Amino acid sequence: MTLLSADDPTMEDTGGHHTWATEPNPTAVEKAKGTNGVPWCDEYKKMISSMLYRSWTSKELETKRLEASKICQQFNDLDDFADGVDREEAVNKGGNLLKSLLGECVGSPTIERPFSVLYGCNTFIEDNFFGNVG
């Protein structure tokens, strides 16, 4: 899902180079409405519209960053290969953590650890996804 494209009318044209948008992008805001875990606030709307925003002034964004950090830590702490760990159960737990974190997570993705996102709600993963580290 693309929330903003280079030919968006809310972007200022600076001779082929785009700069910060000057107003919220209604298309991006509308698309984000159906997304999992969005921290709705004015600063989030600015962020997804490529406007200058101040994440440190928003309690909603701060709370979402902390929540995402905790879920990433839980995901990274899973030990799929420890003695006595049921592999299928660990994979399901990891998938459930990702589904609670990401904007959309379809199927059973494979993501190598460590995994980190700032908010998670702006990340969309389709079925049969493989993410590696490096």
C-alpha atoms as a PDB file:
ATOM      1  CA  MET A   1       0.000   0.000   0.000  1.00  0.00           C
ATOM      2  CA  THR A   2       1.448   3.345  -1.028  1.00  0.00           C
ATOM      3  CA  LEU A   3       0.252   6.151   1.180  1.00  0.00           C
ATOM      4  CA  LEU A   4       1.866   8.922  -0.844  1.00  0.00           C
ATOM      5  CA  SER A   5       3.190   9.150  -4.375  1.00  0.00           C
ATOM      6  CA  ALA A   6       5.630  11.565  -5.977  1.00  0.00           C
ATOM      7  CA  ASP A   7       2.942  13.002  -8.263  1.00  0.00           C
ATOM      8  CA  ASP A   8       0.674  13.879  -5.355  1.00  0.00           C
ATOM      9  CA  PRO A   9      -0.842  17.379  -5.714  1.00  0.00           C
ATOM     10  CA  THR A  10      -0.153  18.201  -2.055  1.00  0.00           C
ATOM     11  CA  MET A  11       3.610  18.042  -2.690  1.00  0.00           C
ATOM     12  CA  GLU A  12       5.384  21.269  -3.631  1.00  0.00           C
ATOM     13  CA  ASP A  13       7.128  21.134  -7.009  1.00  0.00           C
ATOM     14  CA  THR A  14      10.658  22.455  -6.792  1.00  0.00           C
ATOM     15  CA  GLY A  15      11.872  21.769 -10.301  1.00  0.00           C
ATOM     16  CA  GLY A  16      11.803  17.983 -10.195  1.00  0.00           C
ATOM     17  CA  HIS A  17      12.700  17.710  -6.530  1.00  0.00           C
ATOM     18  CA  HIS A  18       9.985  17.280  -3.982  1.00  0.00           C
ATOM     19  CA  THR A  19      10.026  18.910  -0.614  1.00  0.00           C
ATOM     20  CA  TRP A  20       7.722  18.666   2.374  1.00  0.00           C
ATOM     21  CA  ALA A  21       4.009  18.705   1.658  1.00  0.00           C
ATOM     22  CA  THR A  22       2.170  21.780   2.865  1.00  0.00           C
ATOM     23  CA  GLU A  23      -1.185  20.212   3.710  1.00  0.00           C
ATOM     24  CA  PRO A  24      -2.498  16.807   4.782  1.00  0.00           C
ATOM     25  CA  ASN A  25      -2.936  14.285   2.006  1.00  0.00           C
ATOM     26  CA  PRO A  26      -6.604  13.207   2.064  1.00  0.00           C
ATOM     27  CA  THR A  27      -5.838  10.004   0.120  1.00  0.00           C
ATOM     28  CA  ALA A  28      -3.144   8.925   2.584  1.00  0.00           C
ATOM     29  CA  VAL A  29      -5.352   9.765   5.558  1.00  0.00           C
ATOM     30  CA  GLU A  30      -8.285   7.828   4.095  1.00  0.00           C
ATOM     31  CA  LYS A  31      -6.133   4.763   3.325  1.00  0.00           C
ATOM     32  CA  ALA A  32      -4.691   4.781   6.831  1.00  0.00           C
ATOM     33  CA  LYS A  33      -8.175   4.677   8.387  1.00  0.00           C
ATOM     34  CA  GLY A  34      -8.454   0.938   7.714  1.00  0.00           C
ATOM     35  CA  THR A  35      -5.000   0.184   9.062  1.00  0.00           C
ATOM     36  CA  ASN A  36      -4.241  -1.744  12.256  1.00  0.00           C
ATOM     37  CA  GLY A  37      -2.925   0.183  15.259  1.00  0.00           C
ATOM     38  CA  VAL A  38      -2.819   3.714  13.870  1.00  0.00           C
ATOM     39  CA  PRO A  39      -2.011   6.368  16.519  1.00  0.00           C
ATOM     40  CA  TRP A  40      -4.554   8.927  15.296  1.00  0.00           C
ATOM     41  CA  CYS A  41      -3.474  12.483  15.955  1.00  0.00           C
ATOM     42  CA  ASP A  42      -2.581  15.581  13.941  1.00  0.00           C
ATOM     43  CA  GLU A  43       1.128  14.728  13.957  1.00  0.00           C
ATOM     44  CA  TYR A  44       0.432  11.248  12.532  1.00  0.00           C
ATOM     45  CA  LYS A  45      -1.650  12.762   9.724  1.00  0.00           C
ATOM     46  CA  LYS A  46       1.249  15.109   8.953  1.00  0.00           C
ATOM     47  CA  MET A  47       3.725  12.216   9.027  1.00  0.00           C
ATOM     48  CA  ILE A  48       1.834  10.068   6.507  1.00  0.00           C
ATOM     49  CA  SER A  49       1.299  13.137   4.306  1.00  0.00           C
ATOM     50  CA  SER A  50       5.053  13.913   4.059  1.00  0.00           C
ATOM     51  CA  MET A  51       4.609  17.100   6.041  1.00  0.00           C
ATOM     52  CA  LEU A  52       7.017  18.291   8.682  1.00  0.00           C
ATOM     53  CA  TYR A  53       5.851  16.855  11.975  1.00  0.00           C
ATOM     54  CA  ARG A  54       7.010  16.803  15.572  1.00  0.00           C
ATOM     55  CA  SER A  55       6.799  13.271  16.903  1.00  0.00           C
ATOM     56  CA  TRP A  56       8.089  14.295  20.322  1.00  0.00           C
ATOM     57  CA  THR A  57       5.078  16.562  20.924  1.00  0.00           C
ATOM     58  CA  SER A  58       2.512  13.826  20.387  1.00  0.00           C
ATOM     59  CA  LYS A  59       1.537  11.571  23.276  1.00  0.00           C
ATOM     60  CA  GLU A  60      -0.143   9.225  20.763  1.00  0.00           C
ATOM     61  CA  LEU A  61       3.037   8.791  18.705  1.00  0.00           C
ATOM     62  CA  GLU A  62       5.151   8.363  21.834  1.00  0.00           C
ATOM     63  CA  THR A  63       2.785   5.681  23.133  1.00  0.00           C
ATOM     64  CA  LYS A  64       2.788   3.887  19.764  1.00  0.00           C
ATOM     65  CA  ARG A  65       6.615   3.914  19.580  1.00  0.00           C
ATOM     66  CA  LEU A  66       6.828   2.403  23.059  1.00  0.00           C
ATOM     67  CA  GLU A  67       4.205  -0.238  22.222  1.00  0.00           C
ATOM     68  CA  ALA A  68       6.002  -1.138  18.976  1.00  0.00           C
ATOM     69  CA  SER A  69       9.319  -1.374  20.795  1.00  0.00           C
ATOM     70  CA  LYS A  70       7.856  -3.755  23.383  1.00  0.00           C
ATOM     71  CA  ILE A  71       6.288  -6.000  20.737  1.00  0.00           C
ATOM     72  CA  CYS A  72       9.523  -6.061  18.712  1.00  0.00           C
ATOM     73  CA  GLN A  73      11.400  -7.055  21.871  1.00  0.00           C
ATOM     74  CA  GLN A  74       8.927  -9.877  22.543  1.00  0.00           C
ATOM     75  CA  PHE A  75       9.273 -11.045  18.929  1.00  0.00           C
ATOM     76  CA  ASN A  76      13.072 -10.885  19.067  1.00  0.00           C
ATOM     77  CA  ASP A  77      13.127 -12.799  22.365  1.00  0.00           C
ATOM     78  CA  LEU A  78      11.286 -15.802  20.912  1.00  0.00           C
ATOM     79  CA  ASP A  79      13.565 -18.821  20.808  1.00  0.00           C
ATOM     80  CA  ASP A  80      12.192 -21.128  18.121  1.00  0.00           C
ATOM     81  CA  PHE A  81      15.036 -23.604  18.470  1.00  0.00           C
ATOM     82  CA  ALA A  82      15.443 -23.976  22.239  1.00  0.00           C
ATOM     83  CA  ASP A  83      15.154 -27.464  23.678  1.00  0.00           C
ATOM     84  CA  GLY A  84      11.569 -28.297  24.496  1.00  0.00           C
ATOM     85  CA  VAL A  85      10.087 -25.451  22.435  1.00  0.00           C
ATOM     86  CA  ASP A  86       7.304 -26.480  20.089  1.00  0.00           C
ATOM     87  CA  ARG A  87       8.395 -24.982  16.742  1.00  0.00           C
ATOM     88  CA  GLU A  88       4.852 -24.557  15.421  1.00  0.00           C
ATOM     89  CA  GLU A  89       3.711 -22.877  18.628  1.00  0.00           C
ATOM     90  CA  ALA A  90       6.671 -20.460  18.515  1.00  0.00           C
ATOM     91  CA  VAL A  91       5.987 -19.621  14.854  1.00  0.00           C
ATOM     92  CA  ASN A  92       2.309 -18.978  15.638  1.00  0.00           C
ATOM     93  CA  LYS A  93       3.227 -16.763  18.596  1.00  0.00           C
ATOM     94  CA  GLY A  94       5.621 -14.772  16.395  1.00  0.00           C
ATOM     95  CA  GLY A  95       2.953 -14.406  13.709  1.00  0.00           C
ATOM     96  CA  ASN A  96       0.419 -13.192  16.263  1.00  0.00           C
ATOM     97  CA  LEU A  97       2.889 -10.614  17.584  1.00  0.00           C
ATOM     98  CA  LEU A  98       3.524  -9.344  14.041  1.00  0.00           C
ATOM     99  CA  LYS A  99      -0.202  -9.173  13.297  1.00  0.00           C
ATOM    100  CA  SER A 100      -0.747  -7.093  16.446  1.00  0.00           C
ATOM    101  CA  LEU A 101       2.097  -4.757  15.474  1.00  0.00           C
ATOM    102  CA  LEU A 102       1.921  -4.218  11.723  1.00  0.00           C
ATOM    103  CA  GLY A 103      -0.570  -2.281   9.624  1.00  0.00           C
ATOM    104  CA  GLU A 104      -1.324  -5.489   7.770  1.00  0.00           C
ATOM    105  CA  CYS A 105       0.210  -8.929   8.004  1.00  0.00           C
ATOM    106  CA  VAL A 106      -1.233 -11.579   5.687  1.00  0.00           C
ATOM    107  CA  GLY A 107      -0.458 -15.270   6.032  1.00  0.00           C
ATOM    108  CA  SER A 108       2.581 -16.543   7.883  1.00  0.00           C
ATOM    109  CA  PRO A 109       5.579 -14.344   7.107  1.00  0.00           C
ATOM    110  CA  THR A 110       9.125 -15.361   7.935  1.00  0.00           C
ATOM    111  CA  ILE A 111      11.148 -12.567   9.475  1.00  0.00           C
ATOM    112  CA  GLU A 112      14.661 -13.138  10.733  1.00  0.00           C
ATOM    113  CA  ARG A 113      15.647 -11.503  13.974  1.00  0.00           C
ATOM    114  CA  PRO A 114      16.443  -8.903  15.108  1.00  0.00           C
ATOM    115  CA  PHE A 115      13.393  -7.080  13.793  1.00  0.00           C
ATOM    116  CA  SER A 116      12.606  -3.460  14.537  1.00  0.00           C
ATOM    117  CA  VAL A 117      10.057  -0.866  13.451  1.00  0.00           C
ATOM    118  CA  LEU A 118       9.347   2.584  14.791  1.00  0.00           C
ATOM    119  CA  TYR A 119       5.545   2.427  14.658  1.00  0.00           C
ATOM    120  CA  GLY A 120       4.678  -0.739  12.746  1.00  0.00           C
ATOM    121  CA  CYS A 121       1.288   0.497  11.572  1.00  0.00           C
ATOM    122  CA  ASN A 122       2.862   1.811   8.348  1.00  0.00           C
ATOM    123  CA  THR A 123       4.318  -1.611   7.465  1.00  0.00           C
ATOM    124  CA  PHE A 124       2.350  -3.991   5.247  1.00  0.00           C
ATOM    125  CA  ILE A 125       3.408  -7.601   4.672  1.00  0.00           C
ATOM    126  CA  GLU A 126       1.806  -9.953   2.173  1.00  0.00           C
ATOM    127  CA  ASP A 127       1.629 -13.746   2.232  1.00  0.00           C
ATOM    128  CA  ASN A 128       4.860 -15.709   1.673  1.00  0.00           C
ATOM    129  CA  PHE A 129       7.009 -12.772   2.783  1.00  0.00           C
ATOM    130  CA  PHE A 130      10.592 -13.439   3.849  1.00  0.00           C
ATOM    131  CA  GLY A 131      12.573 -10.727   5.602  1.00  0.00           C
ATOM    132  CA  ASN A 132      16.253 -11.202   6.321  1.00  0.00           C
ATOM    133  CA  VAL A 133      18.707  -9.207   8.401  1.00  0.00           C
ATOM    134  CA  GLY A 134      21.748  -7.526   7.079  1.00  0.00           C
END
